[in-house]
């Protein structure tokens, strides 16, 4: 293989590898895995839900105490 042809092949190989790597990262950011939703995987969301539930229970208990 001639040096010029070999140089073009190597450059095309590096360029295509770069494009594939860049595209795979970009696609992963644009289309996240459907098996992992943001809400279900976040411990902060679960903690917030528990806190809201606790606050609602406290309000109910306070309302019941005022009635008595």
C-alpha atoms as a PDB file:
ATOM      1  CA  UNK A   1       0.000   0.000   0.000  1.00  0.00           C
ATOM      2  CA  UNK A   2       1.343   3.404  -0.883  1.00  0.00           C
ATOM      3  CA  UNK A   3       2.183   5.865   1.872  1.00  0.00           C
ATOM      4  CA  UNK A   4      -0.428   8.392   0.696  1.00  0.00           C
ATOM      5  CA  UNK A   5      -3.180   5.786   0.583  1.00  0.00           C
ATOM      6  CA  UNK A   6      -2.172   4.377   3.963  1.00  0.00           C
ATOM      7  CA  UNK A   7      -2.209   7.905   5.417  1.00  0.00           C
ATOM      8  CA  UNK A   8      -5.748   8.504   4.093  1.00  0.00           C
ATOM      9  CA  UNK A   9      -6.977   5.184   5.484  1.00  0.00           C
ATOM     10  CA  UNK A  10      -5.515   5.882   8.922  1.00  0.00           C
ATOM     11  CA  UNK A  11      -6.942   9.424   8.955  1.00  0.00           C
ATOM     12  CA  UNK A  12     -10.365   8.131   7.925  1.00  0.00           C
ATOM     13  CA  UNK A  13     -10.186   5.469  10.621  1.00  0.00           C
ATOM     14  CA  UNK A  14      -9.347   8.011  13.350  1.00  0.00           C
ATOM     15  CA  UNK A  15     -12.010  10.433  12.114  1.00  0.00           C
ATOM     16  CA  UNK A  16     -14.731   7.773  11.948  1.00  0.00           C
ATOM     17  CA  UNK A  17     -13.774   6.486  15.423  1.00  0.00           C
ATOM     18  CA  UNK A  18     -14.036  10.015  16.796  1.00  0.00           C
ATOM     19  CA  UNK A  19     -17.445  10.541  15.170  1.00  0.00           C
ATOM     20  CA  UNK A  20     -18.813   7.225  16.445  1.00  0.00           C
ATOM     21  CA  UNK A  21     -17.567   7.907  19.983  1.00  0.00           C
ATOM     22  CA  UNK A  22     -18.979  11.434  19.966  1.00  0.00           C
ATOM     23  CA  UNK A  23     -22.308  10.276  18.527  1.00  0.00           C
ATOM     24  CA  UNK A  24     -22.685   7.466  21.074  1.00  0.00           C
ATOM     25  CA  UNK A  25     -22.211   9.893  23.968  1.00  0.00           C
ATOM     26  CA  UNK A  26     -24.541  12.463  22.411  1.00  0.00           C
ATOM     27  CA  UNK A  27     -27.269   9.914  21.708  1.00  0.00           C
ATOM     28  CA  UNK A  28     -27.042   8.648  25.288  1.00  0.00           C
ATOM     29  CA  UNK A  29     -27.621  12.184  26.544  1.00  0.00           C
ATOM     30  CA  UNK A  30     -30.488  12.899  24.172  1.00  0.00           C
ATOM     31  CA  UNK A  31     -32.263   9.545  24.528  1.00  0.00           C
ATOM     32  CA  UNK A  32     -31.737   8.244  28.067  1.00  0.00           C
ATOM     33  CA  UNK A  33     -32.254   4.596  28.873  1.00  0.00           C
ATOM     34  CA  UNK A  34     -35.986   3.958  29.371  1.00  0.00           C
ATOM     35  CA  UNK A  35     -35.282   1.411  32.102  1.00  0.00           C
ATOM     36  CA  UNK A  36     -34.050   4.178  34.403  1.00  0.00           C
ATOM     37  CA  UNK A  37     -36.431   7.051  34.859  1.00  0.00           C
ATOM     38  CA  UNK A  38     -35.168  10.168  36.596  1.00  0.00           C
ATOM     39  CA  UNK A  39     -37.915  10.152  39.216  1.00  0.00           C
ATOM     40  CA  UNK A  40     -37.574   6.528  40.271  1.00  0.00           C
ATOM     41  CA  UNK A  41     -33.777   6.553  40.521  1.00  0.00           C
ATOM     42  CA  UNK A  42     -33.397   9.722  42.545  1.00  0.00           C
ATOM     43  CA  UNK A  43     -33.182   9.273  46.328  1.00  0.00           C
ATOM     44  CA  UNK A  44     -33.899  12.990  46.694  1.00  0.00           C
ATOM     45  CA  UNK A  45     -37.337  12.546  45.129  1.00  0.00           C
ATOM     46  CA  UNK A  46     -38.164   9.664  47.459  1.00  0.00           C
ATOM     47  CA  UNK A  47     -37.001  11.690  50.435  1.00  0.00           C
ATOM     48  CA  UNK A  48     -39.121  14.647  49.317  1.00  0.00           C
ATOM     49  CA  UNK A  49     -42.188  12.406  48.950  1.00  0.00           C
ATOM     50  CA  UNK A  50     -41.659  11.010  52.457  1.00  0.00           C
ATOM     51  CA  UNK A  51     -41.267  14.501  53.850  1.00  0.00           C
ATOM     52  CA  UNK A  52     -44.515  15.661  52.198  1.00  0.00           C
ATOM     53  CA  UNK A  53     -46.343  12.612  53.526  1.00  0.00           C
ATOM     54  CA  UNK A  54     -45.013  13.288  57.019  1.00  0.00           C
ATOM     55  CA  UNK A  55     -46.047  16.963  56.821  1.00  0.00           C
ATOM     56  CA  UNK A  56     -49.558  15.960  55.735  1.00  0.00           C
ATOM     57  CA  UNK A  57     -49.848  13.542  58.653  1.00  0.00           C
ATOM     58  CA  UNK A  58     -48.687  16.227  61.077  1.00  0.00           C
ATOM     59  CA  UNK A  59     -51.301  18.660  59.692  1.00  0.00           C
ATOM     60  CA  UNK A  60     -54.030  16.032  60.050  1.00  0.00           C
ATOM     61  CA  UNK A  61     -52.992  15.300  63.630  1.00  0.00           C
ATOM     62  CA  UNK A  62     -52.942  19.005  64.473  1.00  0.00           C
ATOM     63  CA  UNK A  63     -56.395  19.451  62.927  1.00  0.00           C
ATOM     64  CA  UNK A  64     -57.720  16.514  64.971  1.00  0.00           C
ATOM     65  CA  UNK A  65     -56.242  17.946  68.172  1.00  0.00           C
ATOM     66  CA  UNK A  66     -57.908  21.305  67.533  1.00  0.00           C
ATOM     67  CA  UNK A  67     -61.278  19.585  67.106  1.00  0.00           C
ATOM     68  CA  UNK A  68     -60.936  17.838  70.462  1.00  0.00           C
END
